[in-house]
Amino acid sequence: APEILQTLNATHGAVGWPENIKCPGILGLWQYFDGQDVPLVQQIAQVSGARVLLNEDWLKGLFGGYAVYDHEVSLSLLSFQVALKVTEFLHSHMPQLKQRHPSKMVFACTCNLNKILLVDTDDGGVYVFTRNGGLDMLEPIAPTEYSLGEGDEVRLMGLEARPDLNGQRGFLIEFDSSKDRWQVKMHDGTDHLIKPSNFEASSPEPCMWGSAKVPGILRWFEEYVRRLEQGTYQPMPLRPEVPDSVGICLMPSAGPQVVKCVTGGVEVTSSVTYMAEHNQGWTYSISFRLVTSKEERGFETCQLKSRTWIIQEDGQRPEQVNGEGVIGFFPILTDEGWLLNQESDPNRQYLQAGHPGWPGPVSGPFRYQSCSGRSASMCGSFSGHLTFFPGTIRRPTGPPFEVKLAKFPLRVPRYIF
């Protein structure tokens, strides 16, 4: 995004590295640009020399973000000197951080420090401040050694019962320990349970550095770039209800992390992002749109009435959550998008946000974001169904019908962004 490129600081040649920075790989963070010229909240700006946060400056983080309710995240790469001063600030206000993690240095954060990334200056490991109570303040955000795991592309081989699948590619979704098999989502959308001995990496180790002992910071950065290049993360509104809130969105838009399902001509698409820094744990994005023709569907428009979510921790009884609409909206779907009017926004949220009136037709799918709480094992799933009325709730043109929300996993990923 051009707005983000404009925030990059020119490098000033060789940086005077403190002697305690022992991992040479960290140099790559500031080799070509000296971080971003980004604002911070006043207290941090005063001690670090950064600009003071104003208006919508929070959207321009190089490492992307998301927003759910009052929690706004957009991670910026700090200039080297600002990074040192923010680290000193945290050490002075959190003595336990300096005592337990003396070699960790801040390299990226949000404008208000509600999410902070750190790199180990000894070995290049990368971490995030976490609300995961079982960890010692920090949670790793990249593996230290290369191995296949969730999200990686693999090539199937040696299958005797399904030789037609040999040579085909898919993505690892999650490991079923009870069956000792991986769920593999193929490029045609089908899923199969495959033994680890029946697939291999679709290409050699993706890390350009070619070593199994590559510092975590380089693995993390390269994986982030790969996701940008593949369209997993794209520039789009971080707040779906605010069209101007465009930034690099960490809600996956493509790839194995996106789950789609079509029922009765309504397509429901979902994706999820782990929030290490938040007590809820996960934020998810769900969107609705009409597909096929109105003749095939049997209706021209339909309106969401209610939802039923099934949230289940692995090995535990499922929890069922019922509610009307989603986040106070009852979207009316059309072939072009959806209608934003008094019927779809009975709580007048759009007007309360300062808009002079409802716009009526809105192009594109209806998309919203919410969150789901942590569990003891941090392993679970989210699924459910929604009830729609053909026509509208007030003027139905047929009986209500259910639309499926396909299951998506709630797990802590290998790479955290």
Foldseek 3Di string as FASTA:
>chain_A
DVVLVVFWAAAPPDDDDPPLQADPVVCVLPVGTQWGLAAADPVLCVQQVGHHDDDLSQFRAPLAWADADPDTHGKTFHGPSSQQRVQVVCCVVPVVCCVVQVQWTWGIATRHRLKTKTARSNQGWIWIQFPPVVDDRTDTFADQFDDDDFQAKKAFADDDVCPVRHRFIFTFHDADVVVQFTWTQGPVGDTDTHHPVGIDGPDPDPQPVPDRRDRRNSVQVSVSVVCVVVQQWDWAASALLDRVNTHTHNFGPDGPQWDWDDDLQKIKIKGKAADRSDQAGIKMKIWIAGDDDCVSSVFFKKKFFKWWKWKDAPPDHIDIDIDTDPPQFTWIYGNFETFFACQGRVVCPSVVVPDPHGPTDDGDIDMHMHTHHADPVQKIKMWTKTKMFGPYPVDGPDDIDIDTGDIGIRHDDNHHD
